[in-house]
Amino acid sequence: MAENNRKQLIGQVVESKMEKTAVVQIDRRGPHPIYKKYVTQSKKYYVHDPENQCSPGDTVSIIECQPKSRLKRWRLNCIEKKATEV
């Protein structure tokens, strides 16, 4: 699979407590098939983060890769925006 054919998604980090793994939530907005009202659907992906550089609240770009474990099929591409600390 060529590098430019891989899927890329942008989402928000929900959890990063695991070693070298982060959980990223991707939100999609689209019309309901019957009622035509716009609804938000979300899905969580397990992402390979080798340097543990993600923290919850970060906006990240992830890219498809070969399976790293039972659940991880995505890897961290880059951090788009760091979370602001309160």
PDB file of N, CA and C in Angstrom:
ATOM      1  N   MET A   1       0.835  -1.169   0.000  1.00  0.00           N
ATOM      2  CA  MET A   1       0.000   0.000   0.000  1.00  0.00           C
ATOM      3  C   MET A   1       0.888   1.244   0.000  1.00  0.00           C
ATOM      4  N   ALA A   2       0.685   2.097  -0.952  1.00  0.00           N
ATOM      5  CA  ALA A   2       1.512   3.301  -1.070  1.00  0.00           C
ATOM      6  C   ALA A   2       1.169   4.297   0.031  1.00  0.00           C
ATOM      7  N   GLU A   3       2.123   5.125   0.369  1.00  0.00           N
ATOM      8  CA  GLU A   3       1.955   6.089   1.462  1.00  0.00           C
ATOM      9  C   GLU A   3       0.824   7.078   1.180  1.00  0.00           C
ATOM     10  N   ASN A   4       0.654   7.485  -0.078  1.00  0.00           N
ATOM     11  CA  ASN A   4      -0.360   8.492  -0.382  1.00  0.00           C
ATOM     12  C   ASN A   4      -1.766   7.895  -0.476  1.00  0.00           C
ATOM     13  N   ASN A   5      -1.919   6.568  -0.481  1.00  0.00           N
ATOM     14  CA  ASN A   5      -3.231   5.946  -0.532  1.00  0.00           C
ATOM     15  C   ASN A   5      -3.800   5.665   0.855  1.00  0.00           C
ATOM     16  N   ARG A   6      -3.059   5.956   1.898  1.00  0.00           N
ATOM     17  CA  ARG A   6      -3.517   5.658   3.245  1.00  0.00           C
ATOM     18  C   ARG A   6      -4.506   6.703   3.727  1.00  0.00           C
ATOM     19  N   LYS A   7      -5.484   6.250   4.489  1.00  0.00           N
ATOM     20  CA  LYS A   7      -6.492   7.163   5.012  1.00  0.00           C
ATOM     21  C   LYS A   7      -5.893   8.024   6.109  1.00  0.00           C
ATOM     22  N   GLN A   8      -6.316   9.282   6.154  1.00  0.00           N
ATOM     23  CA  GLN A   8      -5.900  10.204   7.204  1.00  0.00           C
ATOM     24  C   GLN A   8      -7.133  10.791   7.845  1.00  0.00           C
ATOM     25  N   LEU A   9      -7.120  10.898   9.171  1.00  0.00           N
ATOM     26  CA  LEU A   9      -8.233  11.466   9.915  1.00  0.00           C
ATOM     27  C   LEU A   9      -7.704  12.469  10.925  1.00  0.00           C
ATOM     28  N   ILE A  10      -8.547  13.418  11.306  1.00  0.00           N
ATOM     29  CA  ILE A  10      -8.192  14.396  12.330  1.00  0.00           C
ATOM     30  C   ILE A  10      -9.218  14.290  13.444  1.00  0.00           C
ATOM     31  N   GLY A  11      -8.730  14.164  14.677  1.00  0.00           N
ATOM     32  CA  GLY A  11      -9.632  14.022  15.813  1.00  0.00           C
ATOM     33  C   GLY A  11      -8.991  14.507  17.090  1.00  0.00           C
ATOM     34  N   GLN A  12      -9.690  14.260  18.189  1.00  0.00           N
ATOM     35  CA  GLN A  12      -9.245  14.733  19.490  1.00  0.00           C
ATOM     36  C   GLN A  12      -8.868  13.555  20.374  1.00  0.00           C
ATOM     37  N   VAL A  13      -7.764  13.707  21.119  1.00  0.00           N
ATOM     38  CA  VAL A  13      -7.307  12.661  22.025  1.00  0.00           C
ATOM     39  C   VAL A  13      -8.226  12.638  23.243  1.00  0.00           C
ATOM     40  N   VAL A  14      -8.756  11.448  23.536  1.00  0.00           N
ATOM     41  CA  VAL A  14      -9.656  11.286  24.677  1.00  0.00           C
ATOM     42  C   VAL A  14      -8.897  10.741  25.880  1.00  0.00           C
ATOM     43  N   GLU A  15      -7.968   9.806  25.611  1.00  0.00           N
ATOM     44  CA  GLU A  15      -7.261   9.140  26.690  1.00  0.00           C
ATOM     45  C   GLU A  15      -5.851   8.795  26.232  1.00  0.00           C
ATOM     46  N   SER A  16      -4.871   8.932  27.136  1.00  0.00           N
ATOM     47  CA  SER A  16      -3.498   8.558  26.784  1.00  0.00           C
ATOM     48  C   SER A  16      -2.787   7.948  27.991  1.00  0.00           C
ATOM     49  N   LYS A  17      -3.489   7.131  28.743  1.00  0.00           N
ATOM     50  CA  LYS A  17      -2.920   6.530  29.948  1.00  0.00           C
ATOM     51  C   LYS A  17      -2.105   5.282  29.642  1.00  0.00           C
ATOM     52  N   MET A  18      -2.333   4.667  28.480  1.00  0.00           N
ATOM     53  CA  MET A  18      -1.619   3.441  28.130  1.00  0.00           C
ATOM     54  C   MET A  18      -0.229   3.761  27.597  1.00  0.00           C
ATOM     55  N   GLU A  19       0.646   2.786  27.683  1.00  0.00           N
ATOM     56  CA  GLU A  19       2.010   2.944  27.191  1.00  0.00           C
ATOM     57  C   GLU A  19       2.012   2.863  25.666  1.00  0.00           C
ATOM     58  N   LYS A  20       2.498   3.916  25.001  1.00  0.00           N
ATOM     59  CA  LYS A  20       2.630   4.006  23.544  1.00  0.00           C
ATOM     60  C   LYS A  20       1.295   3.879  22.811  1.00  0.00           C
ATOM     61  N   THR A  21       0.198   4.210  23.478  1.00  0.00           N
ATOM     62  CA  THR A  21      -1.123   4.135  22.865  1.00  0.00           C
ATOM     63  C   THR A  21      -1.967   5.323  23.305  1.00  0.00           C
ATOM     64  N   ALA A  22      -2.733   5.861  22.363  1.00  0.00           N
ATOM     65  CA  ALA A  22      -3.681   6.927  22.673  1.00  0.00           C
ATOM     66  C   ALA A  22      -5.021   6.554  22.053  1.00  0.00           C
ATOM     67  N   VAL A  23      -6.101   7.060  22.643  1.00  0.00           N
ATOM     68  CA  VAL A  23      -7.437   6.845  22.108  1.00  0.00           C
ATOM     69  C   VAL A  23      -7.896   8.162  21.506  1.00  0.00           C
ATOM     70  N   VAL A  24      -8.217   8.141  20.206  1.00  0.00           N
ATOM     71  CA  VAL A  24      -8.608   9.355  19.481  1.00  0.00           C
ATOM     72  C   VAL A  24     -10.061   9.219  19.051  1.00  0.00           C
ATOM     73  N   GLN A  25     -10.837  10.269  19.308  1.00  0.00           N
ATOM     74  CA  GLN A  25     -12.242  10.287  18.919  1.00  0.00           C
ATOM     75  C   GLN A  25     -12.411  11.134  17.671  1.00  0.00           C
ATOM     76  N   ILE A  26     -13.056  10.549  16.652  1.00  0.00           N
ATOM     77  CA  ILE A  26     -13.322  11.231  15.390  1.00  0.00           C
ATOM     78  C   ILE A  26     -14.823  11.503  15.316  1.00  0.00           C
ATOM     79  N   ASP A  27     -15.199  12.757  15.065  1.00  0.00           N
ATOM     80  CA  ASP A  27     -16.605  13.132  14.946  1.00  0.00           C
ATOM     81  C   ASP A  27     -16.942  13.394  13.486  1.00  0.00           C
ATOM     82  N   ARG A  28     -18.064  12.824  13.040  1.00  0.00           N
ATOM     83  CA  ARG A  28     -18.560  13.054  11.686  1.00  0.00           C
ATOM     84  C   ARG A  28     -19.950  13.664  11.790  1.00  0.00           C
ATOM     85  N   ARG A  29     -20.227  14.655  10.937  1.00  0.00           N
ATOM     86  CA  ARG A  29     -21.564  15.247  10.883  1.00  0.00           C
ATOM     87  C   ARG A  29     -22.181  14.950   9.531  1.00  0.00           C
ATOM     88  N   GLY A  30     -23.440  14.496   9.568  1.00  0.00           N
ATOM     89  CA  GLY A  30     -24.127  14.199   8.320  1.00  0.00           C
ATOM     90  C   GLY A  30     -25.623  14.163   8.540  1.00  0.00           C
ATOM     91  N   PRO A  31     -26.379  14.241   7.455  1.00  0.00           N
ATOM     92  CA  PRO A  31     -27.835  14.233   7.600  1.00  0.00           C
ATOM     93  C   PRO A  31     -28.366  12.838   7.932  1.00  0.00           C
ATOM     94  N   HIS A  32     -29.409  12.793   8.746  1.00  0.00           N
ATOM     95  CA  HIS A  32     -30.091  11.546   9.055  1.00  0.00           C
ATOM     96  C   HIS A  32     -30.778  11.055   7.775  1.00  0.00           C
ATOM     97  N   PRO A  33     -30.722   9.748   7.464  1.00  0.00           N
ATOM     98  CA  PRO A  33     -31.260   9.277   6.191  1.00  0.00           C
ATOM     99  C   PRO A  33     -32.763   9.519   6.008  1.00  0.00           C
ATOM    100  N   ILE A  34     -33.526   9.528   7.086  1.00  0.00           N
ATOM    101  CA  ILE A  34     -34.978   9.719   6.958  1.00  0.00           C
ATOM    102  C   ILE A  34     -35.384  11.145   7.306  1.00  0.00           C
ATOM    103  N   TYR A  35     -34.907  11.638   8.457  1.00  0.00           N
ATOM    104  CA  TYR A  35     -35.382  12.929   8.964  1.00  0.00           C
ATOM    105  C   TYR A  35     -34.598  14.128   8.433  1.00  0.00           C
ATOM    106  N   LYS A  36     -33.453  13.896   7.806  1.00  0.00           N
ATOM    107  CA  LYS A  36     -32.629  14.940   7.191  1.00  0.00           C
ATOM    108  C   LYS A  36     -32.063  15.956   8.184  1.00  0.00           C
ATOM    109  N   LYS A  37     -32.187  15.689   9.480  1.00  0.00           N
ATOM    110  CA  LYS A  37     -31.577  16.550  10.484  1.00  0.00           C
ATOM    111  C   LYS A  37     -30.102  16.153  10.605  1.00  0.00           C
ATOM    112  N   TYR A  38     -29.219  17.130  10.768  1.00  0.00           N
ATOM    113  CA  TYR A  38     -27.796  16.841  10.877  1.00  0.00           C
ATOM    114  C   TYR A  38     -27.488  16.274  12.260  1.00  0.00           C
ATOM    115  N   VAL A  39     -26.837  15.119  12.282  1.00  0.00           N
ATOM    116  CA  VAL A  39     -26.477  14.457  13.526  1.00  0.00           C
ATOM    117  C   VAL A  39     -24.972  14.228  13.545  1.00  0.00           C
ATOM    118  N   THR A  40     -24.405  14.196  14.753  1.00  0.00           N
ATOM    119  CA  THR A  40     -22.982  13.950  14.937  1.00  0.00           C
ATOM    120  C   THR A  40     -22.782  12.505  15.356  1.00  0.00           C
ATOM    121  N   GLN A  41     -21.948  11.795  14.614  1.00  0.00           N
ATOM    122  CA  GLN A  41     -21.585  10.434  14.969  1.00  0.00           C
ATOM    123  C   GLN A  41     -20.112  10.420  15.341  1.00  0.00           C
ATOM    124  N   SER A  42     -19.782   9.706  16.398  1.00  0.00           N
ATOM    125  CA  SER A  42     -18.382   9.666  16.822  1.00  0.00           C
ATOM    126  C   SER A  42     -17.910   8.224  16.899  1.00  0.00           C
ATOM    127  N   LYS A  43     -16.601   8.057  16.673  1.00  0.00           N
ATOM    128  CA  LYS A  43     -15.976   6.747  16.738  1.00  0.00           C
ATOM    129  C   LYS A  43     -14.606   6.907  17.370  1.00  0.00           C
ATOM    130  N   LYS A  44     -14.203   5.914  18.171  1.00  0.00           N
ATOM    131  CA  LYS A  44     -12.905   5.969  18.838  1.00  0.00           C
ATOM    132  C   LYS A  44     -11.934   5.011  18.157  1.00  0.00           C
ATOM    133  N   TYR A  45     -10.710   5.475  17.981  1.00  0.00           N
ATOM    134  CA  TYR A  45      -9.644   4.680  17.370  1.00  0.00           C
ATOM    135  C   TYR A  45      -8.475   4.578  18.342  1.00  0.00           C
ATOM    136  N   TYR A  46      -7.859   3.386  18.397  1.00  0.00           N
ATOM    137  CA  TYR A  46      -6.635   3.198  19.171  1.00  0.00           C
ATOM    138  C   TYR A  46      -5.465   3.532  18.254  1.00  0.00           C
ATOM    139  N   VAL A  47      -4.586   4.419  18.712  1.00  0.00           N
ATOM    140  CA  VAL A  47      -3.521   4.970  17.877  1.00  0.00           C
ATOM    141  C   VAL A  47      -2.169   4.656  18.497  1.00  0.00           C
ATOM    142  N   HIS A  48      -1.213   4.250  17.661  1.00  0.00           N
ATOM    143  CA  HIS A  48       0.159   3.991  18.122  1.00  0.00           C
ATOM    144  C   HIS A  48       0.882   5.322  18.271  1.00  0.00           C
ATOM    145  N   ASP A  49       1.331   5.595  19.498  1.00  0.00           N
ATOM    146  CA  ASP A  49       2.033   6.844  19.834  1.00  0.00           C
ATOM    147  C   ASP A  49       3.369   6.462  20.468  1.00  0.00           C
ATOM    148  N   PRO A  50       4.428   6.218  19.668  1.00  0.00           N
ATOM    149  CA  PRO A  50       5.660   5.637  20.204  1.00  0.00           C
ATOM    150  C   PRO A  50       6.374   6.486  21.249  1.00  0.00           C
ATOM    151  N   GLU A  51       6.294   7.819  21.171  1.00  0.00           N
ATOM    152  CA  GLU A  51       6.998   8.669  22.141  1.00  0.00           C
ATOM    153  C   GLU A  51       6.109   9.167  23.265  1.00  0.00           C
ATOM    154  N   ASN A  52       4.872   8.722  23.340  1.00  0.00           N
ATOM    155  CA  ASN A  52       3.919   9.175  24.365  1.00  0.00           C
ATOM    156  C   ASN A  52       3.827  10.696  24.402  1.00  0.00           C
ATOM    157  N   GLN A  53       3.689  11.331  23.244  1.00  0.00           N
ATOM    158  CA  GLN A  53       3.664  12.787  23.193  1.00  0.00           C
ATOM    159  C   GLN A  53       2.253  13.365  23.217  1.00  0.00           C
ATOM    160  N   CYS A  54       1.228  12.523  23.102  1.00  0.00           N
ATOM    161  CA  CYS A  54      -0.158  13.002  23.135  1.00  0.00           C
ATOM    162  C   CYS A  54      -0.631  13.181  24.573  1.00  0.00           C
ATOM    163  N   SER A  55      -1.507  14.154  24.764  1.00  0.00           N
ATOM    164  CA  SER A  55      -2.182  14.320  26.040  1.00  0.00           C
ATOM    165  C   SER A  55      -3.653  14.584  25.757  1.00  0.00           C
ATOM    166  N   PRO A  56      -4.537  14.273  26.700  1.00  0.00           N
ATOM    167  CA  PRO A  56      -5.969  14.452  26.447  1.00  0.00           C
ATOM    168  C   PRO A  56      -6.307  15.891  26.073  1.00  0.00           C
ATOM    169  N   GLY A  57      -7.127  16.040  25.052  1.00  0.00           N
ATOM    170  CA  GLY A  57      -7.524  17.358  24.573  1.00  0.00           C
ATOM    171  C   GLY A  57      -6.768  17.814  23.342  1.00  0.00           C
ATOM    172  N   ASP A  58      -5.662  17.161  23.005  1.00  0.00           N
ATOM    173  CA  ASP A  58      -4.893  17.520  21.808  1.00  0.00           C
ATOM    174  C   ASP A  58      -5.682  17.184  20.546  1.00  0.00           C
ATOM    175  N   THR A  59      -5.535  18.003  19.528  1.00  0.00           N
ATOM    176  CA  THR A  59      -6.082  17.695  18.211  1.00  0.00           C
ATOM    177  C   THR A  59      -4.946  17.101  17.387  1.00  0.00           C
ATOM    178  N   VAL A  60      -5.163  15.872  16.889  1.00  0.00           N
ATOM    179  CA  VAL A  60      -4.091  15.152  16.209  1.00  0.00           C
ATOM    180  C   VAL A  60      -4.542  14.654  14.840  1.00  0.00           C
ATOM    181  N   SER A  61      -3.560  14.401  13.991  1.00  0.00           N
ATOM    182  CA  SER A  61      -3.787  13.781  12.698  1.00  0.00           C
ATOM    183  C   SER A  61      -3.267  12.351  12.791  1.00  0.00           C
ATOM    184  N   ILE A  62      -4.103  11.388  12.376  1.00  0.00           N
ATOM    185  CA  ILE A  62      -3.691   9.986  12.431  1.00  0.00           C
ATOM    186  C   ILE A  62      -3.733   9.409  11.024  1.00  0.00           C
ATOM    187  N   ILE A  63      -2.928   8.368  10.801  1.00  0.00           N
ATOM    188  CA  ILE A  63      -2.807   7.761   9.479  1.00  0.00           C
ATOM    189  C   ILE A  63      -2.901   6.246   9.627  1.00  0.00           C
ATOM    190  N   GLU A  64      -3.486   5.629   8.632  1.00  0.00           N
ATOM    191  CA  GLU A  64      -3.674   4.193   8.616  1.00  0.00           C
ATOM    192  C   GLU A  64      -2.320   3.487   8.513  1.00  0.00           C
ATOM    193  N   CYS A  65      -2.175   2.340   9.176  1.00  0.00           N
ATOM    194  CA  CYS A  65      -0.927   1.569   9.090  1.00  0.00           C
ATOM    195  C   CYS A  65      -1.247   0.089   9.267  1.00  0.00           C
ATOM    196  N   GLN A  66      -0.221  -0.737   9.159  1.00  0.00           N
ATOM    197  CA  GLN A  66      -0.431  -2.159   9.376  1.00  0.00           C
ATOM    198  C   GLN A  66      -0.713  -2.405  10.852  1.00  0.00           C
ATOM    199  N   PRO A  67      -1.414  -3.472  11.202  1.00  0.00           N
ATOM    200  CA  PRO A  67      -1.796  -3.701  12.601  1.00  0.00           C
ATOM    201  C   PRO A  67      -0.585  -3.801  13.535  1.00  0.00           C
ATOM    202  N   LYS A  68      -0.644  -3.023  14.623  1.00  0.00           N
ATOM    203  CA  LYS A  68       0.418  -3.058  15.632  1.00  0.00           C
ATOM    204  C   LYS A  68       0.047  -4.008  16.772  1.00  0.00           C
ATOM    205  N   SER A  69      -1.248  -4.167  17.043  1.00  0.00           N
ATOM    206  CA  SER A  69      -1.736  -5.073  18.073  1.00  0.00           C
ATOM    207  C   SER A  69      -3.165  -5.459  17.723  1.00  0.00           C
ATOM    208  N   ARG A  70      -3.883  -6.026  18.689  1.00  0.00           N
ATOM    209  CA  ARG A  70      -5.238  -6.494  18.416  1.00  0.00           C
ATOM    210  C   ARG A  70      -6.170  -5.359  18.018  1.00  0.00           C
ATOM    211  N   LEU A  71      -6.007  -4.169  18.615  1.00  0.00           N
ATOM    212  CA  LEU A  71      -6.902  -3.043  18.361  1.00  0.00           C
ATOM    213  C   LEU A  71      -6.262  -1.898  17.580  1.00  0.00           C
ATOM    214  N   LYS A  72      -4.933  -1.804  17.586  1.00  0.00           N
ATOM    215  CA  LYS A  72      -4.262  -0.657  16.958  1.00  0.00           C
ATOM    216  C   LYS A  72      -3.998  -0.887  15.476  1.00  0.00           C
ATOM    217  N   ARG A  73      -4.672  -0.065  14.640  1.00  0.00           N
ATOM    218  CA  ARG A  73      -4.449  -0.094  13.190  1.00  0.00           C
ATOM    219  C   ARG A  73      -4.149   1.298  12.658  1.00  0.00           C
ATOM    220  N   TRP A  74      -3.910   2.251  13.534  1.00  0.00           N
ATOM    221  CA  TRP A  74      -3.609   3.631  13.157  1.00  0.00           C
ATOM    222  C   TRP A  74      -2.370   4.081  13.910  1.00  0.00           C
ATOM    223  N   ARG A  75      -1.643   5.060  13.329  1.00  0.00           N
ATOM    224  CA  ARG A  75      -0.491   5.620  14.029  1.00  0.00           C
ATOM    225  C   ARG A  75      -0.589   7.138  13.999  1.00  0.00           C
ATOM    226  N   LEU A  76       0.085   7.757  14.945  1.00  0.00           N
ATOM    227  CA  LEU A  76       0.074   9.211  15.053  1.00  0.00           C
ATOM    228  C   LEU A  76       0.879   9.811  13.911  1.00  0.00           C
ATOM    229  N   ASN A  77       0.269  10.738  13.176  1.00  0.00           N
ATOM    230  CA  ASN A  77       0.972  11.412  12.092  1.00  0.00           C
ATOM    231  C   ASN A  77       1.614  12.688  12.631  1.00  0.00           C
ATOM    232  N   CYS A  78       0.814  13.577  13.207  1.00  0.00           N
ATOM    233  CA  CYS A  78       1.349  14.784  13.826  1.00  0.00           C
ATOM    234  C   CYS A  78       0.304  15.368  14.769  1.00  0.00           C
ATOM    235  N   ILE A  79       0.785  16.223  15.664  1.00  0.00           N
ATOM    236  CA  ILE A  79      -0.105  16.918  16.577  1.00  0.00           C
ATOM    237  C   ILE A  79      -0.440  18.264  15.944  1.00  0.00           C
ATOM    238  N   GLU A  80      -1.713  18.453  15.623  1.00  0.00           N
ATOM    239  CA  GLU A  80      -2.154  19.695  14.969  1.00  0.00           C
ATOM    240  C   GLU A  80      -2.189  20.857  15.976  1.00  0.00           C
ATOM    241  N   LYS A  81      -2.743  20.584  17.184  1.00  0.00           N
ATOM    242  CA  LYS A  81      -2.915  21.643  18.170  1.00  0.00           C
ATOM    243  C   LYS A  81      -2.858  21.033  19.561  1.00  0.00           C
ATOM    244  N   LYS A  82      -1.993  21.588  20.417  1.00  0.00           N
ATOM    245  CA  LYS A  82      -1.877  21.106  21.790  1.00  0.00           C
ATOM    246  C   LYS A  82      -3.040  21.640  22.620  1.00  0.00           C
ATOM    247  N   ALA A  83      -3.424  20.864  23.640  1.00  0.00           N
ATOM    248  CA  ALA A  83      -4.498  21.273  24.539  1.00  0.00           C
ATOM    249  C   ALA A  83      -3.992  22.390  25.447  1.00  0.00           C
ATOM    250  N   THR A  84      -4.856  23.319  25.753  1.00  0.00           N
ATOM    251  CA  THR A  84      -4.476  24.391  26.674  1.00  0.00           C
ATOM    252  C   THR A  84      -4.677  23.911  28.102  1.00  0.00           C
ATOM    253  N   GLU A  85      -3.679  24.133  28.932  1.00  0.00           N
ATOM    254  CA  GLU A  85      -3.768  23.719  30.327  1.00  0.00           C
ATOM    255  C   GLU A  85      -4.514  24.763  31.125  1.00  0.00           C
ATOM    256  N   VAL A  86      -5.350  24.276  32.030  1.00  0.00           N
ATOM    257  CA  VAL A  86      -6.162  25.193  32.851  1.00  0.00           C
ATOM    258  C   VAL A  86      -5.502  25.405  34.186  1.00  0.00           C
TER     259      VAL A  86
END
